[in-house]
């Protein structure tokens, strides 16, 4: 499912670029790609170890390790494609990394309980820590790197799925409202999808289709 969603997001993403990194070699996207490449190497190593270790694997272990390797390749492509073409951090990547981390933490505990001296447990723990780092990098907002007028957009359009989920992007507005009476200038810019012109066009289209 993640591979399918990743391909759809890459194929249907607009080709225009919103992001401009002043230092290409030290840009977040290069750091991200390096971390994902290291994660892919760890997945290959884990797959080899699972193939060699017949005592601690289940019938589905090899298949799961192979899918993990395929997923790392898919989110490497998706991360590279969306970083320059999406205003906000990828919701698909963030969701996948978050929920897969929850399951991987349980697997780490199980591997250490089976045998704390095994190379599998150590390598898998390292991959989980690296995945956590990738999640943190992926959840970072890109406002400081946006081109032209895109940097003036409201935080709702630029926030990650985690910030939107807990309404973290509203904190600054709430703090400002606590300190003083809010004015029009204090409010965030409105999302393009919520402007009167856009909503009027959608309403007219829906109305005309009903006739």
N, C-alpha and C. Protein backbone atom coordinates (compact mmCIF):
# COMPACT_ATOMS: atom_id res chain seq x y z
N UNK A 1 0.83 -1.20 0.00
CA UNK A 1 0.00 0.00 0.00
C UNK A 1 0.87 1.25 0.00
N UNK A 2 1.95 1.25 0.82
CA UNK A 2 2.82 2.42 0.85
C UNK A 2 3.50 2.62 -0.50
N UNK A 3 3.97 1.54 -1.13
CA UNK A 3 4.62 1.64 -2.43
C UNK A 3 3.65 2.20 -3.46
N UNK A 4 2.39 1.73 -3.44
CA UNK A 4 1.39 2.23 -4.38
C UNK A 4 1.14 3.71 -4.18
N UNK A 5 0.94 4.13 -2.91
CA UNK A 5 0.70 5.55 -2.63
C UNK A 5 1.89 6.41 -3.00
N UNK A 6 3.09 5.87 -2.81
CA UNK A 6 4.30 6.61 -3.16
C UNK A 6 4.38 6.86 -4.65
N UNK A 7 4.12 5.83 -5.44
CA UNK A 7 4.17 5.98 -6.89
C UNK A 7 3.11 6.96 -7.37
N UNK A 8 1.91 6.90 -6.80
CA UNK A 8 0.86 7.83 -7.19
C UNK A 8 1.25 9.27 -6.88
N UNK A 9 1.85 9.49 -5.72
CA UNK A 9 2.21 10.85 -5.34
C UNK A 9 3.32 11.39 -6.24
N UNK A 10 4.27 10.53 -6.63
CA UNK A 10 5.34 10.97 -7.52
C UNK A 10 4.82 11.24 -8.92
N UNK A 11 3.94 10.39 -9.42
CA UNK A 11 3.46 10.51 -10.79
C UNK A 11 2.55 11.71 -10.97
N UNK A 12 1.74 12.03 -9.96
CA UNK A 12 0.75 13.09 -10.10
C UNK A 12 1.19 14.40 -9.47
N UNK A 13 2.41 14.45 -8.97
CA UNK A 13 2.91 15.69 -8.39
C UNK A 13 3.24 16.69 -9.49
N UNK A 14 2.98 17.94 -9.25
CA UNK A 14 3.33 18.98 -10.21
C UNK A 14 4.83 19.03 -10.40
N UNK A 15 5.27 19.35 -11.62
CA UNK A 15 6.69 19.39 -11.93
C UNK A 15 7.36 20.68 -11.49
N UNK A 16 6.60 21.68 -11.06
CA UNK A 16 7.20 22.94 -10.65
C UNK A 16 7.87 22.80 -9.30
N UNK A 17 8.92 23.59 -9.09
CA UNK A 17 9.68 23.52 -7.85
C UNK A 17 9.39 24.72 -6.99
N UNK A 18 9.11 24.47 -5.71
CA UNK A 18 8.83 25.54 -4.77
C UNK A 18 10.04 25.88 -3.92
N UNK A 19 11.01 24.95 -3.83
CA UNK A 19 12.06 25.04 -2.84
C UNK A 19 13.38 25.40 -3.49
N UNK A 20 14.13 26.28 -2.83
CA UNK A 20 15.45 26.67 -3.30
C UNK A 20 16.42 26.63 -2.14
N UNK A 21 17.36 25.68 -2.16
CA UNK A 21 18.31 25.54 -1.08
C UNK A 21 19.58 26.32 -1.41
N UNK A 22 20.02 27.25 -0.53
CA UNK A 22 21.19 28.07 -0.82
C UNK A 22 22.48 27.28 -0.87
N UNK A 23 22.58 26.20 -0.10
CA UNK A 23 23.78 25.36 -0.10
C UNK A 23 23.38 23.96 -0.52
N UNK A 24 23.43 23.66 -1.82
CA UNK A 24 22.91 22.38 -2.32
C UNK A 24 23.52 21.16 -1.65
N UNK A 25 24.84 21.20 -1.37
CA UNK A 25 25.49 20.02 -0.81
C UNK A 25 25.15 19.80 0.66
N UNK A 26 24.71 20.88 1.34
CA UNK A 26 24.33 20.76 2.74
C UNK A 26 22.83 20.92 2.93
N UNK A 27 22.09 20.82 1.84
CA UNK A 27 20.65 21.01 1.91
C UNK A 27 19.97 19.86 2.64
N UNK A 28 18.80 20.13 3.24
CA UNK A 28 18.08 19.06 3.94
C UNK A 28 17.79 17.85 3.07
N UNK A 29 17.55 18.08 1.77
CA UNK A 29 17.22 16.95 0.91
C UNK A 29 18.42 16.02 0.74
N UNK A 30 19.64 16.58 0.68
CA UNK A 30 20.83 15.74 0.57
C UNK A 30 21.10 14.99 1.87
N UNK A 31 20.87 15.67 3.00
CA UNK A 31 21.01 14.99 4.29
C UNK A 31 20.00 13.86 4.40
N UNK A 32 18.77 14.14 3.95
CA UNK A 32 17.72 13.12 3.98
C UNK A 32 18.08 11.93 3.09
N UNK A 33 18.56 12.21 1.88
CA UNK A 33 18.90 11.13 0.96
C UNK A 33 20.06 10.29 1.50
N UNK A 34 21.01 10.93 2.16
CA UNK A 34 22.12 10.19 2.76
C UNK A 34 21.62 9.27 3.87
N UNK A 35 20.73 9.80 4.72
CA UNK A 35 20.18 8.99 5.81
C UNK A 35 19.36 7.82 5.26
N UNK A 36 18.57 8.06 4.21
CA UNK A 36 17.77 6.99 3.62
C UNK A 36 18.66 5.95 2.96
N UNK A 37 19.77 6.39 2.33
CA UNK A 37 20.71 5.45 1.71
C UNK A 37 21.34 4.55 2.78
N UNK A 38 21.72 5.14 3.90
CA UNK A 38 22.26 4.34 5.00
C UNK A 38 21.22 3.36 5.53
N UNK A 39 19.97 3.84 5.60
CA UNK A 39 18.89 2.96 6.05
C UNK A 39 18.70 1.79 5.08
N UNK A 40 18.80 2.07 3.78
CA UNK A 40 18.69 1.01 2.78
C UNK A 40 19.81 -0.02 2.92
N UNK A 41 21.02 0.46 3.21
CA UNK A 41 22.15 -0.46 3.41
C UNK A 41 21.90 -1.35 4.62
N UNK A 42 21.35 -0.76 5.68
CA UNK A 42 21.02 -1.56 6.86
C UNK A 42 19.95 -2.60 6.55
N UNK A 43 18.98 -2.24 5.70
CA UNK A 43 17.94 -3.19 5.33
C UNK A 43 18.52 -4.36 4.52
N UNK A 44 19.48 -4.06 3.66
CA UNK A 44 20.14 -5.13 2.90
C UNK A 44 20.90 -6.05 3.85
N UNK A 45 21.60 -5.44 4.82
CA UNK A 45 22.35 -6.23 5.80
C UNK A 45 21.41 -7.10 6.63
N UNK A 46 20.28 -6.53 7.02
CA UNK A 46 19.31 -7.32 7.80
C UNK A 46 18.75 -8.47 6.98
N UNK A 47 18.49 -8.23 5.71
CA UNK A 47 17.97 -9.29 4.85
C UNK A 47 18.97 -10.43 4.73
N UNK A 48 20.24 -10.09 4.60
CA UNK A 48 21.28 -11.12 4.51
C UNK A 48 21.37 -11.90 5.81
N UNK A 49 21.34 -11.21 6.95
CA UNK A 49 21.42 -11.89 8.24
C UNK A 49 20.20 -12.78 8.48
N UNK A 50 19.02 -12.32 8.08
CA UNK A 50 17.83 -13.15 8.23
C UNK A 50 17.93 -14.41 7.36
N UNK A 51 18.53 -14.29 6.20
CA UNK A 51 18.70 -15.46 5.33
C UNK A 51 19.67 -16.47 5.92
N UNK A 52 20.67 -15.96 6.64
CA UNK A 52 21.68 -16.85 7.22
C UNK A 52 21.25 -17.45 8.56
N UNK A 53 20.42 -16.73 9.29
CA UNK A 53 19.99 -17.16 10.61
C UNK A 53 18.64 -17.86 10.51
N UNK A 54 18.64 -19.16 10.60
CA UNK A 54 17.40 -19.93 10.48
C UNK A 54 16.73 -20.18 11.83
N UNK A 55 17.45 -19.90 12.92
CA UNK A 55 16.91 -20.23 14.24
C UNK A 55 15.90 -19.21 14.72
N UNK A 56 16.09 -17.93 14.41
CA UNK A 56 15.26 -16.88 14.98
C UNK A 56 14.24 -16.31 14.01
N UNK A 57 14.11 -16.87 12.84
CA UNK A 57 13.19 -16.30 11.86
C UNK A 57 11.92 -17.13 11.76
N UNK A 58 10.85 -16.46 11.37
CA UNK A 58 9.57 -17.11 11.14
C UNK A 58 9.38 -17.29 9.64
N UNK A 59 8.33 -17.99 9.21
CA UNK A 59 8.11 -18.17 7.76
C UNK A 59 7.94 -16.86 7.00
N UNK A 60 7.48 -15.82 7.67
CA UNK A 60 7.24 -14.55 6.98
C UNK A 60 8.40 -13.55 7.13
N UNK A 61 9.46 -13.93 7.82
CA UNK A 61 10.54 -12.99 8.11
C UNK A 61 11.24 -12.50 6.86
N UNK A 62 11.58 -13.42 5.95
CA UNK A 62 12.29 -13.04 4.72
C UNK A 62 11.43 -12.13 3.86
N UNK A 63 10.14 -12.46 3.77
CA UNK A 63 9.23 -11.62 2.98
C UNK A 63 9.12 -10.21 3.58
N UNK A 64 9.04 -10.13 4.92
CA UNK A 64 8.94 -8.83 5.58
C UNK A 64 10.21 -8.01 5.38
N UNK A 65 11.37 -8.67 5.45
CA UNK A 65 12.63 -7.96 5.25
C UNK A 65 12.76 -7.47 3.81
N UNK A 66 12.29 -8.28 2.87
CA UNK A 66 12.32 -7.87 1.45
C UNK A 66 11.42 -6.68 1.20
N UNK A 67 10.22 -6.68 1.79
CA UNK A 67 9.31 -5.55 1.64
C UNK A 67 9.87 -4.29 2.30
N UNK A 68 10.56 -4.44 3.42
CA UNK A 68 11.18 -3.29 4.07
C UNK A 68 12.23 -2.66 3.18
N UNK A 69 12.99 -3.51 2.49
CA UNK A 69 13.99 -3.00 1.55
C UNK A 69 13.33 -2.28 0.39
N UNK A 70 12.24 -2.86 -0.14
CA UNK A 70 11.51 -2.21 -1.24
C UNK A 70 10.90 -0.88 -0.79
N UNK A 71 10.40 -0.85 0.45
CA UNK A 71 9.84 0.40 0.97
C UNK A 71 10.89 1.49 1.11
N UNK A 72 12.10 1.11 1.54
CA UNK A 72 13.16 2.10 1.68
C UNK A 72 13.52 2.71 0.33
N UNK A 73 13.50 1.90 -0.73
CA UNK A 73 13.75 2.42 -2.07
C UNK A 73 12.62 3.35 -2.50
N UNK A 74 11.38 2.95 -2.20
CA UNK A 74 10.23 3.76 -2.59
C UNK A 74 10.22 5.11 -1.89
N UNK A 75 10.50 5.13 -0.57
CA UNK A 75 10.43 6.42 0.09
C UNK A 75 11.66 7.27 -0.16
N UNK A 76 12.75 6.67 -0.66
CA UNK A 76 13.89 7.46 -1.14
C UNK A 76 13.49 8.25 -2.38
N UNK A 77 12.81 7.58 -3.31
CA UNK A 77 12.35 8.24 -4.54
C UNK A 77 11.31 9.30 -4.21
N UNK A 78 10.35 8.96 -3.34
CA UNK A 78 9.29 9.90 -2.99
C UNK A 78 9.84 11.12 -2.27
N UNK A 79 10.78 10.90 -1.35
CA UNK A 79 11.35 12.01 -0.60
C UNK A 79 12.06 12.98 -1.53
N UNK A 80 12.82 12.46 -2.48
CA UNK A 80 13.52 13.32 -3.44
C UNK A 80 12.53 14.08 -4.32
N UNK A 81 11.46 13.39 -4.74
CA UNK A 81 10.50 14.01 -5.65
C UNK A 81 9.68 15.10 -4.98
N UNK A 82 9.27 14.88 -3.73
CA UNK A 82 8.36 15.82 -3.10
C UNK A 82 9.04 16.99 -2.43
N UNK A 83 10.33 16.89 -2.10
CA UNK A 83 10.99 17.96 -1.37
C UNK A 83 11.07 19.25 -2.18
N UNK A 84 11.17 19.16 -3.48
CA UNK A 84 11.22 20.35 -4.29
C UNK A 84 9.89 20.72 -4.91
N UNK A 85 8.86 19.90 -4.70
CA UNK A 85 7.59 20.10 -5.38
C UNK A 85 6.40 20.21 -4.44
N UNK A 86 6.65 20.14 -3.16
CA UNK A 86 5.57 20.19 -2.19
C UNK A 86 5.88 21.24 -1.13
N UNK A 87 4.91 22.05 -0.80
CA UNK A 87 5.12 23.11 0.18
C UNK A 87 5.30 22.57 1.59
N UNK A 88 4.67 21.45 1.88
CA UNK A 88 4.70 20.92 3.23
C UNK A 88 5.39 19.55 3.24
N UNK A 89 5.83 19.08 4.40
CA UNK A 89 6.40 17.73 4.48
C UNK A 89 5.40 16.68 4.01
N UNK A 90 5.92 15.61 3.45
CA UNK A 90 5.08 14.57 2.86
C UNK A 90 4.22 13.89 3.92
N UNK A 91 2.90 13.87 3.70
CA UNK A 91 1.99 13.18 4.61
C UNK A 91 2.13 11.67 4.50
N UNK A 92 2.38 11.18 3.27
CA UNK A 92 2.54 9.74 3.06
C UNK A 92 3.76 9.22 3.79
N UNK A 93 4.89 9.92 3.63
CA UNK A 93 6.12 9.50 4.30
C UNK A 93 6.00 9.61 5.81
N UNK A 94 5.44 10.71 6.29
CA UNK A 94 5.31 10.89 7.73
C UNK A 94 4.45 9.82 8.37
N UNK A 95 3.33 9.51 7.73
CA UNK A 95 2.42 8.49 8.27
C UNK A 95 3.08 7.12 8.27
N UNK A 96 3.73 6.79 7.15
CA UNK A 96 4.40 5.48 7.06
C UNK A 96 5.50 5.34 8.11
N UNK A 97 6.36 6.35 8.21
CA UNK A 97 7.47 6.27 9.14
C UNK A 97 6.99 6.19 10.59
N UNK A 98 5.95 6.95 10.92
CA UNK A 98 5.45 6.96 12.30
C UNK A 98 4.89 5.61 12.71
N UNK A 99 3.99 5.05 11.90
CA UNK A 99 3.36 3.79 12.29
C UNK A 99 4.32 2.61 12.17
N UNK A 100 5.21 2.63 11.17
CA UNK A 100 6.17 1.54 11.08
C UNK A 100 7.15 1.56 12.25
N UNK A 101 7.45 2.76 12.76
CA UNK A 101 8.31 2.86 13.94
C UNK A 101 7.67 2.20 15.16
N UNK A 102 6.37 2.38 15.32
CA UNK A 102 5.68 1.76 16.45
C UNK A 102 5.82 0.24 16.42
N UNK A 103 5.64 -0.34 15.23
CA UNK A 103 5.77 -1.79 15.10
C UNK A 103 7.22 -2.24 15.23
N UNK A 104 8.16 -1.44 14.72
CA UNK A 104 9.57 -1.81 14.79
C UNK A 104 10.08 -1.80 16.23
N UNK A 105 9.56 -0.88 17.06
CA UNK A 105 9.97 -0.85 18.46
C UNK A 105 9.59 -2.14 19.17
N UNK A 106 8.43 -2.66 18.84
CA UNK A 106 8.00 -3.94 19.42
C UNK A 106 8.93 -5.07 18.97
N UNK A 107 9.31 -5.04 17.69
CA UNK A 107 10.22 -6.07 17.17
C UNK A 107 11.60 -5.97 17.81
N UNK A 108 12.05 -4.75 18.08
CA UNK A 108 13.35 -4.57 18.76
C UNK A 108 13.32 -5.23 20.13
N UNK A 109 12.26 -4.99 20.87
CA UNK A 109 12.12 -5.61 22.19
C UNK A 109 12.16 -7.13 22.09
N UNK A 110 11.45 -7.67 21.11
CA UNK A 110 11.40 -9.13 20.95
C UNK A 110 12.77 -9.69 20.61
N UNK A 111 13.49 -9.04 19.70
CA UNK A 111 14.81 -9.53 19.31
C UNK A 111 15.79 -9.52 20.48
N UNK A 112 15.74 -8.47 21.31
CA UNK A 112 16.65 -8.43 22.45
C UNK A 112 16.27 -9.45 23.52
N UNK A 113 14.98 -9.76 23.64
CA UNK A 113 14.57 -10.79 24.59
C UNK A 113 14.98 -12.18 24.14
N UNK A 114 15.00 -12.39 22.84
CA UNK A 114 15.41 -13.70 22.31
C UNK A 114 16.88 -13.95 22.59
N UNK A 115 17.71 -12.97 22.26
CA UNK A 115 19.15 -13.12 22.46
C UNK A 115 19.78 -11.73 22.40
N UNK A 116 20.24 -11.25 23.56
CA UNK A 116 20.77 -9.88 23.61
C UNK A 116 22.13 -9.74 22.95
N UNK A 117 22.78 -10.84 22.59
CA UNK A 117 24.10 -10.77 21.98
C UNK A 117 24.06 -10.98 20.47
N UNK A 118 22.88 -11.09 19.90
CA UNK A 118 22.79 -11.34 18.48
C UNK A 118 23.06 -10.09 17.67
N UNK A 119 23.67 -10.27 16.51
CA UNK A 119 23.93 -9.15 15.62
C UNK A 119 22.63 -8.62 15.03
N UNK A 120 21.63 -9.48 14.91
CA UNK A 120 20.34 -9.05 14.38
C UNK A 120 19.71 -7.96 15.25
N UNK A 121 19.72 -8.18 16.55
CA UNK A 121 19.13 -7.21 17.47
C UNK A 121 19.86 -5.88 17.40
N UNK A 122 21.17 -5.92 17.35
CA UNK A 122 21.95 -4.68 17.31
C UNK A 122 21.72 -3.93 16.00
N UNK A 123 21.73 -4.67 14.90
CA UNK A 123 21.56 -4.03 13.59
C UNK A 123 20.14 -3.49 13.43
N UNK A 124 19.17 -4.25 13.91
CA UNK A 124 17.78 -3.80 13.79
C UNK A 124 17.53 -2.58 14.67
N UNK A 125 18.14 -2.55 15.86
CA UNK A 125 18.02 -1.38 16.73
C UNK A 125 18.62 -0.14 16.07
N UNK A 126 19.77 -0.33 15.41
CA UNK A 126 20.39 0.78 14.70
C UNK A 126 19.49 1.31 13.59
N UNK A 127 18.84 0.40 12.86
CA UNK A 127 17.95 0.82 11.78
C UNK A 127 16.74 1.57 12.31
N UNK A 128 16.23 1.18 13.48
CA UNK A 128 15.08 1.87 14.08
C UNK A 128 15.48 3.28 14.51
N UNK A 129 16.67 3.41 15.10
CA UNK A 129 17.15 4.74 15.50
C UNK A 129 17.34 5.63 14.29
N UNK A 130 17.87 5.06 13.21
CA UNK A 130 18.06 5.83 11.98
C UNK A 130 16.71 6.22 11.38
N UNK A 131 15.73 5.32 11.43
CA UNK A 131 14.40 5.64 10.93
C UNK A 131 13.77 6.78 11.73
N UNK A 132 14.00 6.80 13.04
CA UNK A 132 13.50 7.90 13.86
C UNK A 132 14.14 9.22 13.42
N UNK A 133 15.44 9.19 13.12
CA UNK A 133 16.09 10.39 12.63
C UNK A 133 15.52 10.85 11.30
N UNK A 134 15.22 9.91 10.42
CA UNK A 134 14.62 10.24 9.13
C UNK A 134 13.25 10.87 9.33
N UNK A 135 12.47 10.33 10.28
CA UNK A 135 11.15 10.89 10.56
C UNK A 135 11.26 12.34 11.05
N UNK A 136 12.23 12.60 11.91
CA UNK A 136 12.42 13.97 12.41
C UNK A 136 12.82 14.91 11.28
N UNK A 137 13.71 14.45 10.41
CA UNK A 137 14.12 15.27 9.27
C UNK A 137 12.95 15.50 8.31
N UNK A 138 12.16 14.46 8.10
CA UNK A 138 11.04 14.56 7.15
C UNK A 138 9.95 15.48 7.67
N UNK A 139 9.79 15.58 8.99
CA UNK A 139 8.72 16.38 9.57
C UNK A 139 9.08 17.86 9.65
N UNK A 140 10.32 18.21 9.34
CA UNK A 140 10.71 19.62 9.39
C UNK A 140 10.03 20.43 8.29
N UNK A 141 9.58 21.62 8.66
CA UNK A 141 8.94 22.48 7.68
C UNK A 141 9.99 23.19 6.82
N UNK A 142 9.56 23.64 5.63
CA UNK A 142 10.50 24.18 4.64
C UNK A 142 10.29 25.66 4.35
N UNK A 143 9.69 26.37 5.29
CA UNK A 143 9.34 27.76 5.03
C UNK A 143 10.55 28.63 4.69
N UNK A 144 11.67 28.40 5.38
CA UNK A 144 12.85 29.24 5.15
C UNK A 144 13.51 28.98 3.80
N UNK A 145 13.13 27.89 3.12
CA UNK A 145 13.73 27.56 1.84
C UNK A 145 12.80 27.83 0.66
N UNK A 146 11.59 28.33 0.91
CA UNK A 146 10.62 28.51 -0.16
C UNK A 146 10.96 29.68 -1.06
N UNK A 147 10.55 29.58 -2.30
CA UNK A 147 10.82 30.62 -3.29
C UNK A 147 9.76 31.71 -3.26
N UNK A 148 10.15 32.92 -3.61
CA UNK A 148 9.26 34.04 -3.90
C UNK A 148 8.18 34.24 -2.85
N UNK A 149 6.92 34.25 -3.29
CA UNK A 149 5.81 34.54 -2.38
C UNK A 149 5.36 33.32 -1.57
N UNK A 150 5.91 32.15 -1.87
CA UNK A 150 5.48 30.96 -1.14
C UNK A 150 5.86 31.02 0.34
N UNK A 151 6.95 31.76 0.64
CA UNK A 151 7.38 31.85 2.03
C UNK A 151 6.40 32.68 2.87
N UNK A 152 5.49 33.42 2.22
CA UNK A 152 4.52 34.24 2.92
C UNK A 152 3.21 33.50 3.20
N UNK A 153 3.16 32.25 2.81
CA UNK A 153 1.94 31.48 3.04
C UNK A 153 1.73 31.21 4.53
N UNK A 154 0.51 30.90 4.90
CA UNK A 154 0.19 30.61 6.29
C UNK A 154 0.77 29.30 6.75
N UNK A 155 0.96 29.14 8.06
CA UNK A 155 1.56 27.92 8.60
C UNK A 155 0.72 26.67 8.37
N UNK A 156 -0.59 26.84 8.19
CA UNK A 156 -1.43 25.67 7.94
C UNK A 156 -1.05 24.99 6.62
N UNK A 157 -0.68 25.79 5.62
CA UNK A 157 -0.30 25.25 4.32
C UNK A 157 1.08 24.62 4.34
N UNK A 158 1.92 24.99 5.31
CA UNK A 158 3.31 24.55 5.34
C UNK A 158 3.60 23.53 6.43
N UNK A 159 2.65 23.28 7.31
CA UNK A 159 2.90 22.41 8.46
C UNK A 159 2.80 20.94 8.08
N UNK A 160 3.46 20.12 8.87
CA UNK A 160 3.45 18.68 8.64
C UNK A 160 2.15 18.06 9.13
N UNK A 161 1.97 16.79 8.85
CA UNK A 161 0.76 16.10 9.26
C UNK A 161 0.67 16.01 10.78
N UNK A 162 1.82 15.99 11.46
CA UNK A 162 1.82 15.93 12.93
C UNK A 162 1.41 17.28 13.52
N UNK A 163 1.93 18.36 12.94
CA UNK A 163 1.55 19.70 13.39
C UNK A 163 0.07 19.96 13.17
N UNK A 164 -0.45 19.48 12.04
CA UNK A 164 -1.86 19.65 11.76
C UNK A 164 -2.71 18.77 12.67
N UNK A 165 -2.23 17.60 12.98
CA UNK A 165 -3.00 16.66 13.80
C UNK A 165 -3.25 17.16 15.21
N UNK A 166 -2.28 17.90 15.77
CA UNK A 166 -2.44 18.41 17.14
C UNK A 166 -2.62 19.94 17.15
N UNK A 167 -2.80 20.53 15.95
CA UNK A 167 -3.00 21.97 15.80
C UNK A 167 -1.84 22.77 16.40
N UNK A 168 -0.63 22.24 16.26
CA UNK A 168 0.54 22.93 16.79
C UNK A 168 0.79 24.24 16.05
N UNK A 169 0.40 24.30 14.77
CA UNK A 169 0.64 25.50 13.98
C UNK A 169 -0.16 26.70 14.47
N UNK A 170 -1.15 26.47 15.34
CA UNK A 170 -1.96 27.56 15.90
C UNK A 170 -1.35 28.18 17.16
N UNK A 171 -0.28 27.57 17.68
CA UNK A 171 0.26 28.01 18.97
C UNK A 171 0.65 29.49 18.98
N UNK A 172 1.32 29.94 17.92
CA UNK A 172 1.77 31.33 17.89
C UNK A 172 0.58 32.29 17.88
N UNK A 173 -0.46 31.93 17.15
CA UNK A 173 -1.65 32.78 17.10
C UNK A 173 -2.35 32.82 18.47
N UNK A 174 -2.42 31.68 19.13
CA UNK A 174 -3.04 31.62 20.47
C UNK A 174 -2.23 32.45 21.46
N UNK A 175 -0.90 32.35 21.36
CA UNK A 175 -0.04 33.13 22.26
C UNK A 175 -0.21 34.63 22.02
N UNK A 176 -0.30 35.02 20.75
CA UNK A 176 -0.52 36.43 20.42
C UNK A 176 -1.87 36.91 20.96
N UNK A 177 -2.90 36.07 20.81
CA UNK A 177 -4.22 36.42 21.33
C UNK A 177 -4.25 36.50 22.84
N UNK A 178 -3.37 35.75 23.51
CA UNK A 178 -3.29 35.82 24.97
C UNK A 178 -2.67 37.14 25.42
N UNK A 179 -1.74 37.64 24.61
CA UNK A 179 -1.03 38.86 24.99
C UNK A 179 -1.80 40.13 24.64
N UNK A 180 -2.63 40.08 23.59
CA UNK A 180 -3.34 41.29 23.17
C UNK A 180 -4.59 40.89 22.41
N UNK A 181 -5.39 41.89 22.07
CA UNK A 181 -6.57 41.65 21.25
C UNK A 181 -6.12 41.48 19.80
N UNK A 182 -6.57 40.40 19.17
CA UNK A 182 -6.14 40.11 17.80
C UNK A 182 -6.75 41.10 16.82
N UNK A 183 -5.96 41.45 15.82
CA UNK A 183 -6.43 42.30 14.73
C UNK A 183 -6.30 41.52 13.42
N UNK A 184 -6.76 42.11 12.34
CA UNK A 184 -6.68 41.44 11.03
C UNK A 184 -5.24 41.14 10.65
N UNK A 185 -4.33 42.05 11.00
CA UNK A 185 -2.92 41.87 10.65
C UNK A 185 -2.29 40.68 11.38
N UNK A 186 -2.84 40.31 12.53
CA UNK A 186 -2.28 39.20 13.31
C UNK A 186 -2.69 37.84 12.75
N UNK A 187 -3.73 37.79 11.94
CA UNK A 187 -4.22 36.52 11.43
C UNK A 187 -3.31 36.00 10.32
N UNK A 188 -3.29 34.68 10.19
CA UNK A 188 -2.45 34.05 9.16
C UNK A 188 -3.07 34.25 7.78
N UNK A 189 -2.24 34.24 6.74
CA UNK A 189 -2.79 34.29 5.37
C UNK A 189 -3.71 33.10 5.12
N UNK A 190 -4.75 33.33 4.37
CA UNK A 190 -5.75 32.30 4.11
C UNK A 190 -5.25 31.33 3.05
N UNK A 191 -5.55 30.05 3.24
CA UNK A 191 -5.21 29.03 2.26
C UNK A 191 -5.89 29.35 0.94
N UNK A 192 -5.16 29.14 -0.16
CA UNK A 192 -5.71 29.42 -1.49
C UNK A 192 -7.00 28.66 -1.75
N UNK A 193 -7.11 27.47 -1.19
CA UNK A 193 -8.31 26.66 -1.39
C UNK A 193 -9.52 27.20 -0.64
N UNK A 194 -9.30 28.14 0.27
CA UNK A 194 -10.40 28.67 1.10
C UNK A 194 -10.75 30.10 0.75
N UNK A 195 -10.12 30.66 -0.28
CA UNK A 195 -10.44 32.04 -0.66
C UNK A 195 -11.82 32.11 -1.29
N UNK A 196 -12.41 33.31 -1.25
CA UNK A 196 -13.75 33.49 -1.80
C UNK A 196 -13.83 33.17 -3.27
N UNK A 197 -12.80 33.55 -4.04
CA UNK A 197 -12.81 33.29 -5.48
C UNK A 197 -12.83 31.79 -5.78
N UNK A 198 -11.98 31.05 -5.04
CA UNK A 198 -11.92 29.60 -5.27
C UNK A 198 -13.22 28.91 -4.89
N UNK A 199 -13.76 29.28 -3.73
CA UNK A 199 -15.01 28.66 -3.27
C UNK A 199 -16.18 29.05 -4.18
N UNK A 200 -16.17 30.30 -4.68
CA UNK A 200 -17.23 30.73 -5.58
C UNK A 200 -17.19 29.94 -6.89
N UNK A 201 -15.99 29.71 -7.40
CA UNK A 201 -15.86 28.93 -8.63
C UNK A 201 -16.34 27.50 -8.43
N UNK A 202 -16.01 26.89 -7.27
CA UNK A 202 -16.48 25.54 -6.99
C UNK A 202 -18.00 25.50 -6.83
N UNK A 203 -18.54 26.52 -6.17
CA UNK A 203 -19.99 26.56 -5.98
C UNK A 203 -20.71 26.71 -7.32
N UNK A 204 -20.21 27.60 -8.18
CA UNK A 204 -20.83 27.81 -9.49
C UNK A 204 -20.79 26.54 -10.32
N UNK A 205 -19.67 25.81 -10.25
CA UNK A 205 -19.54 24.57 -11.00
C UNK A 205 -20.54 23.52 -10.51
N UNK A 206 -20.64 23.41 -9.18
CA UNK A 206 -21.58 22.44 -8.60
C UNK A 206 -23.03 22.84 -8.91
N UNK A 207 -23.32 24.14 -8.86
CA UNK A 207 -24.67 24.62 -9.14
C UNK A 207 -25.06 24.36 -10.60
N UNK A 208 -24.13 24.62 -11.50
CA UNK A 208 -24.41 24.40 -12.91
C UNK A 208 -24.60 22.92 -13.24
N UNK A 209 -23.90 22.05 -12.50
CA UNK A 209 -24.07 20.62 -12.74
C UNK A 209 -25.41 20.10 -12.26
N UNK A 210 -26.03 20.84 -11.34
CA UNK A 210 -27.33 20.41 -10.82
C UNK A 210 -28.48 20.83 -11.74
N UNK A 211 -28.22 21.74 -12.63
CA UNK A 211 -29.28 22.21 -13.51
C UNK A 211 -29.58 21.22 -14.62
